[in-house]
C-alpha atoms as a PDB file:
ATOM      1  CA  MET A   1      39.246 149.982  32.843  1.00  0.00           C
ATOM      2  CA  ARG A   2      36.584 149.345  30.211  1.00  0.00           C
ATOM      3  CA  LYS A   3      37.677 145.686  29.973  1.00  0.00           C
ATOM      4  CA  ASP A   4      37.312 145.339  33.765  1.00  0.00           C
ATOM      5  CA  ILE A   5      33.713 146.708  33.653  1.00  0.00           C
ATOM      6  CA  ILE A   6      32.767 144.374  30.792  1.00  0.00           C
ATOM      7  CA  MET A   7      34.182 141.383  32.681  1.00  0.00           C
ATOM      8  CA  LYS A   8      32.248 142.295  35.870  1.00  0.00           C
ATOM      9  CA  SER A   9      29.069 142.784  33.822  1.00  0.00           C
ATOM     10  CA  THR A  10      29.412 139.352  32.176  1.00  0.00           C
ATOM     11  CA  LEU A  11      30.105 137.701  35.530  1.00  0.00           C
ATOM     12  CA  TYR A  12      27.092 139.484  37.043  1.00  0.00           C
ATOM     13  CA  ARG A  13      24.766 138.292  34.224  1.00  0.00           C
ATOM     14  CA  LYS A  14      26.021 134.707  34.505  1.00  0.00           C
ATOM     15  CA  SER A  15      25.563 134.771  38.284  1.00  0.00           C
ATOM     16  CA  ILE A  16      21.994 136.046  37.929  1.00  0.00           C
ATOM     17  CA  SER A  17      21.204 133.342  35.333  1.00  0.00           C
ATOM     18  CA  ILE A  18      22.602 130.610  37.579  1.00  0.00           C
ATOM     19  CA  LEU A  19      20.597 131.934  40.553  1.00  0.00           C
ATOM     20  CA  LYS A  20      17.416 131.965  38.442  1.00  0.00           C
ATOM     21  CA  TYR A  21      17.950 128.331  37.413  1.00  0.00           C
ATOM     22  CA  LEU A  22      18.732 127.289  41.006  1.00  0.00           C
ATOM     23  CA  GLY A  23      15.589 129.091  42.208  1.00  0.00           C
ATOM     24  CA  LEU A  24      13.500 127.345  39.549  1.00  0.00           C
ATOM     25  CA  LEU A  25      15.046 123.985  40.496  1.00  0.00           C
ATOM     26  CA  LEU A  26      14.358 124.611  44.201  1.00  0.00           C
ATOM     27  CA  ALA A  27      10.744 125.629  43.471  1.00  0.00           C
ATOM     28  CA  THR A  28      10.265 122.462  41.385  1.00  0.00           C
ATOM     29  CA  ILE A  29      11.671 120.270  44.159  1.00  0.00           C
ATOM     30  CA  LEU A  30       9.432 121.912  46.781  1.00  0.00           C
ATOM     31  CA  LEU A  31       6.386 121.506  44.528  1.00  0.00           C
ATOM     32  CA  PHE A  32       7.223 117.833  43.971  1.00  0.00           C
ATOM     33  CA  LEU A  33       7.699 117.228  47.720  1.00  0.00           C
ATOM     34  CA  GLY A  34       4.386 118.959  48.490  1.00  0.00           C
ATOM     35  CA  LEU A  35       2.506 116.910  45.890  1.00  0.00           C
ATOM     36  CA  ASN A  36       4.176 113.725  47.113  1.00  0.00           C
ATOM     37  CA  PHE A  37       3.177 114.521  50.714  1.00  0.00           C
ATOM     38  CA  TRP A  38      -0.431 115.191  49.631  1.00  0.00           C
ATOM     39  CA  SER A  39      -0.649 112.108  47.425  1.00  0.00           C
ATOM     40  CA  ASN A  40       0.513 109.745  50.187  1.00  0.00           C
ATOM     41  CA  GLN A  41      -1.941 110.935  52.844  1.00  0.00           C
ATOM     42  CA  LEU A  42      -4.362 108.175  53.810  1.00  0.00           C
ATOM     43  CA  ASP A  43      -8.019 108.871  53.181  1.00  0.00           C
ATOM     44  CA  ASP A  44     -11.156 106.798  53.592  1.00  0.00           C
ATOM     45  CA  LEU A  45     -11.864 104.461  50.669  1.00  0.00           C
ATOM     46  CA  HIS A  46     -14.933 105.954  48.977  1.00  0.00           C
ATOM     47  CA  ILE A  47     -17.558 103.474  47.770  1.00  0.00           C
ATOM     48  CA  GLN A  48     -18.216 105.438  44.566  1.00  0.00           C
ATOM     49  CA  ASP A  49     -14.494 105.119  43.682  1.00  0.00           C
ATOM     50  CA  VAL A  50     -14.467 101.299  43.768  1.00  0.00           C
ATOM     51  CA  LYS A  51     -15.462  98.975  40.935  1.00  0.00           C
ATOM     52  CA  ILE A  52     -15.839  95.476  42.384  1.00  0.00           C
ATOM     53  CA  TYR A  53     -14.765  92.726  40.004  1.00  0.00           C
ATOM     54  CA  ASN A  54     -15.214  89.589  42.079  1.00  0.00           C
ATOM     55  CA  THR A  55     -15.987  88.224  45.529  1.00  0.00           C
ATOM     56  CA  PHE A  56     -15.700  84.612  46.606  1.00  0.00           C
ATOM     57  CA  PHE A  57     -15.175  82.270  49.530  1.00  0.00           C
ATOM     58  CA  ALA A  58     -12.306  79.797  49.694  1.00  0.00           C
ATOM     59  CA  MET A  59     -11.130  77.350  52.345  1.00  0.00           C
ATOM     60  CA  GLU A  60      -7.866  78.166  54.120  1.00  0.00           C
ATOM     61  CA  ASN A  61      -6.675  75.899  56.927  1.00  0.00           C
ATOM     62  CA  GLY A  62     -10.158  74.433  57.248  1.00  0.00           C
ATOM     63  CA  LYS A  63     -11.871  77.819  57.657  1.00  0.00           C
ATOM     64  CA  PRO A  64     -13.807  79.870  55.102  1.00  0.00           C
ATOM     65  CA  THR A  65     -12.027  82.994  53.885  1.00  0.00           C
ATOM     66  CA  PHE A  66     -13.766  85.825  52.055  1.00  0.00           C
ATOM     67  CA  TYR A  67     -11.989  87.543  49.147  1.00  0.00           C
ATOM     68  CA  LEU A  68     -12.885  90.795  47.433  1.00  0.00           C
ATOM     69  CA  TYR A  69     -11.132  92.028  44.277  1.00  0.00           C
ATOM     70  CA  GLY A  70     -11.740  95.406  42.700  1.00  0.00           C
ATOM     71  CA  LYS A  71     -10.168  98.483  41.194  1.00  0.00           C
ATOM     72  CA  LEU A  72     -10.208 102.208  41.985  1.00  0.00           C
ATOM     73  CA  LYS A  73     -11.685 104.399  39.265  1.00  0.00           C
ATOM     74  CA  PRO A  74     -10.298 107.947  39.759  1.00  0.00           C
ATOM     75  CA  THR A  75      -6.910 108.970  38.376  1.00  0.00           C
ATOM     76  CA  PHE A  76      -5.643 110.399  41.657  1.00  0.00           C
ATOM     77  CA  ALA A  77      -6.338 107.367  43.819  1.00  0.00           C
ATOM     78  CA  SER A  78      -4.380 104.347  44.899  1.00  0.00           C
ATOM     79  CA  TYR A  79      -5.234 101.639  47.370  1.00  0.00           C
ATOM     80  CA  SER A  80      -3.831 101.125  50.846  1.00  0.00           C
ATOM     81  CA  GLY A  81      -5.238  98.352  53.000  1.00  0.00           C
ATOM     82  CA  GLY A  82      -6.511  94.815  52.780  1.00  0.00           C
ATOM     83  CA  ALA A  83      -4.533  91.660  52.150  1.00  0.00           C
ATOM     84  CA  PHE A  84      -1.217  92.966  50.927  1.00  0.00           C
ATOM     85  CA  THR A  85      -0.765  96.357  52.609  1.00  0.00           C
ATOM     86  CA  GLN A  86      -2.523  96.015  55.933  1.00  0.00           C
ATOM     87  CA  TYR A  87      -3.240  99.006  58.108  1.00  0.00           C
ATOM     88  CA  ASN A  88      -4.389  99.371  61.685  1.00  0.00           C
ATOM     89  CA  ASN A  89      -7.761 101.027  62.096  1.00  0.00           C
ATOM     90  CA  SER A  90      -9.114 102.676  65.229  1.00  0.00           C
ATOM     91  CA  ASN A  91     -10.085  99.396  66.888  1.00  0.00           C
ATOM     92  CA  GLY A  92      -6.591  97.966  66.321  1.00  0.00           C
ATOM     93  CA  SER A  93      -7.480  95.194  63.897  1.00  0.00           C
ATOM     94  CA  ALA A  94      -5.134  94.403  61.031  1.00  0.00           C
ATOM     95  CA  TYR A  95      -7.921  94.843  58.498  1.00  0.00           C
ATOM     96  CA  GLY A  96     -10.526  97.552  58.357  1.00  0.00           C
ATOM     97  CA  TYR A  97     -13.698  95.790  59.396  1.00  0.00           C
ATOM     98  CA  ASN A  98     -16.312  96.061  62.086  1.00  0.00           C
ATOM     99  CA  ILE A  99     -18.157  93.005  63.349  1.00  0.00           C
ATOM    100  CA  ASN A 100     -21.493  92.493  65.013  1.00  0.00           C
ATOM    101  CA  LYS A 101     -23.646  89.363  65.352  1.00  0.00           C
ATOM    102  CA  ASP A 102     -25.279  89.650  61.905  1.00  0.00           C
ATOM    103  CA  ASN A 103     -22.941  91.865  59.857  1.00  0.00           C
ATOM    104  CA  VAL A 104     -19.339  92.394  58.854  1.00  0.00           C
ATOM    105  CA  GLN A 105     -18.574  95.862  57.523  1.00  0.00           C
ATOM    106  CA  ILE A 106     -15.318  96.133  55.564  1.00  0.00           C
ATOM    107  CA  ASN A 107     -13.656  99.514  55.148  1.00  0.00           C
ATOM    108  CA  GLY A 108     -10.369 100.520  53.601  1.00  0.00           C
ATOM    109  CA  GLN A 109      -8.094 103.439  52.993  1.00  0.00           C
ATOM    110  CA  GLN A 110      -6.725 105.031  49.854  1.00  0.00           C
ATOM    111  CA  THR A 111      -4.063 107.531  48.940  1.00  0.00           C
ATOM    112  CA  HIS A 112      -4.146 110.075  46.117  1.00  0.00           C
ATOM    113  CA  SER A 113      -1.121 108.930  44.148  1.00  0.00           C
ATOM    114  CA  PRO A 114      -1.694 108.519  40.404  1.00  0.00           C
ATOM    115  CA  PHE A 115       1.208 106.024  40.365  1.00  0.00           C
ATOM    116  CA  GLY A 116       0.055 103.755  43.205  1.00  0.00           C
ATOM    117  CA  SER A 117      -1.749 100.438  42.921  1.00  0.00           C
ATOM    118  CA  LYS A 118      -5.346 100.692  41.740  1.00  0.00           C
ATOM    119  CA  GLU A 119      -6.097  97.084  42.715  1.00  0.00           C
ATOM    120  CA  VAL A 120      -8.328  96.684  45.784  1.00  0.00           C
ATOM    121  CA  VAL A 121      -7.953  93.380  47.612  1.00  0.00           C
ATOM    122  CA  PHE A 122      -9.442  92.241  50.907  1.00  0.00           C
ATOM    123  CA  ARG A 123      -8.880  88.811  52.416  1.00  0.00           C
ATOM    124  CA  ILE A 124     -10.800  88.152  55.611  1.00  0.00           C
ATOM    125  CA  LYS A 125     -10.446  84.836  57.412  1.00  0.00           C
ATOM    126  CA  SER A 126     -13.232  83.377  59.517  1.00  0.00           C
ATOM    127  CA  ASP A 127     -12.487  83.697  63.247  1.00  0.00           C
ATOM    128  CA  PRO A 128     -15.372  82.305  65.338  1.00  0.00           C
ATOM    129  CA  LYS A 129     -13.589  83.109  68.624  1.00  0.00           C
ATOM    130  CA  HIS A 130     -13.907  86.827  67.820  1.00  0.00           C
ATOM    131  CA  GLY A 131     -17.407  86.661  66.318  1.00  0.00           C
ATOM    132  CA  LEU A 132     -16.292  86.492  62.678  1.00  0.00           C
ATOM    133  CA  THR A 133     -18.160  83.530  61.165  1.00  0.00           C
ATOM    134  CA  LEU A 134     -18.528  85.077  57.658  1.00  0.00           C
ATOM    135  CA  ILE A 135     -20.895  82.443  56.226  1.00  0.00           C
ATOM    136  CA  ASN A 136     -23.550  83.331  58.801  1.00  0.00           C
ATOM    137  CA  GLN A 137     -23.078  87.108  58.555  1.00  0.00           C
ATOM    138  CA  ASN A 138     -23.975  89.661  55.899  1.00  0.00           C
ATOM    139  CA  ILE A 139     -20.838  91.243  54.445  1.00  0.00           C
ATOM    140  CA  TYR A 140     -20.760  94.889  53.344  1.00  0.00           C
ATOM    141  CA  LEU A 141     -18.161  97.241  51.875  1.00  0.00           C
ATOM    142  CA  THR A 142     -18.645 100.554  53.696  1.00  0.00           C
ATOM    143  CA  ASP A 143     -17.125 104.009  53.907  1.00  0.00           C
ATOM    144  CA  GLN A 144     -17.154 106.808  56.464  1.00  0.00           C
ATOM    145  CA  GLN A 145     -20.003 108.598  54.676  1.00  0.00           C
ATOM    146  CA  HIS A 146     -22.215 105.590  55.612  1.00  0.00           C
ATOM    147  CA  HIS A 147     -22.477 104.310  52.040  1.00  0.00           C
ATOM    148  CA  LYS A 148     -22.677 100.508  51.742  1.00  0.00           C
ATOM    149  CA  ILE A 149     -22.481  97.815  49.109  1.00  0.00           C
ATOM    150  CA  LYS A 150     -23.818  94.410  50.136  1.00  0.00           C
ATOM    151  CA  LEU A 151     -21.302  91.777  49.037  1.00  0.00           C
ATOM    152  CA  TYR A 152     -22.790  88.677  50.641  1.00  0.00           C
ATOM    153  CA  ASP A 153     -26.282  87.934  51.964  1.00  0.00           C
ATOM    154  CA  ALA A 154     -26.153  85.314  54.742  1.00  0.00           C
ATOM    155  CA  HIS A 155     -29.909  84.644  54.604  1.00  0.00           C
ATOM    156  CA  THR A 156     -29.964  83.722  50.900  1.00  0.00           C
ATOM    157  CA  ARG A 157     -26.273  82.665  50.783  1.00  0.00           C
ATOM    158  CA  THR A 158     -25.685  84.752  47.651  1.00  0.00           C
ATOM    159  CA  GLN A 159     -22.934  87.103  46.542  1.00  0.00           C
ATOM    160  CA  SER A 160     -23.987  89.949  44.282  1.00  0.00           C
ATOM    161  CA  HIS A 161     -20.483  90.549  42.881  1.00  0.00           C
ATOM    162  CA  SER A 162     -19.248  86.989  42.415  1.00  0.00           C
ATOM    163  CA  LEU A 163     -18.142  85.811  38.990  1.00  0.00           C
ATOM    164  CA  GLU A 164     -18.066  82.112  39.841  1.00  0.00           C
ATOM    165  CA  GLN A 165     -20.766  81.708  42.456  1.00  0.00           C
ATOM    166  CA  LYS A 166     -24.000  83.500  43.127  1.00  0.00           C
ATOM    167  CA  ASP A 167     -24.999  80.835  45.648  1.00  0.00           C
ATOM    168  CA  THR A 168     -22.273  79.576  47.985  1.00  0.00           C
ATOM    169  CA  GLN A 169     -24.120  76.292  48.547  1.00  0.00           C
ATOM    170  CA  LYS A 170     -24.306  75.483  44.809  1.00  0.00           C
ATOM    171  CA  GLY A 171     -21.497  77.530  43.265  1.00  0.00           C
ATOM    172  CA  SER A 172     -18.570  75.876  41.550  1.00  0.00           C
ATOM    173  CA  GLY A 173     -16.128  78.087  43.459  1.00  0.00           C
ATOM    174  CA  ALA A 174     -17.457  77.032  46.885  1.00  0.00           C
ATOM    175  CA  LYS A 175     -15.661  73.954  48.160  1.00  0.00           C
ATOM    176  CA  PHE A 176     -17.285  73.767  51.584  1.00  0.00           C
ATOM    177  CA  LYS A 177     -20.710  73.247  53.102  1.00  0.00           C
ATOM    178  CA  THR A 178     -22.556  76.010  54.848  1.00  0.00           C
ATOM    179  CA  ASN A 179     -24.913  75.535  57.787  1.00  0.00           C
ATOM    180  CA  ALA A 180     -28.161  77.378  57.194  1.00  0.00           C
ATOM    181  CA  HIS A 181     -29.909  78.629  60.326  1.00  0.00           C
END
């Protein structure tokens, strides 16, 4: 009888240990899934999180195209939007930008993943049919808190964040003529 009690006691202790490890494993999996869900939620790209490395114009199919390259600064941020991972914003465009006669306002989205891409890339092609002339419009990077960074000044034809060209009429990177108004 004593042997039977000892055997049940050992089995009971092993069962409790296994249940503890399974509970710990389940809690770890749920924590990971929760963090993964949080980290992949899209959020507005915050201006203070972006370090702009370069902006420039290039010709593509006979039309000027504006490029912006940058990097996100915080650890828990990764980029979603722009040239490689397009998203649809509220007005249905493939890129996050708003257009009026004189200005183009670029906006993007980010996630909170520490393992995602930190590179920020926008490629916006000129589309005169839809009011996107680029060369004749000021270009801004904006966020939902109404912060702005002016990337291109149409009046002076200068880019404040360009490595190769401060003046698109004289710059070595500009391979097209602009029409000043």
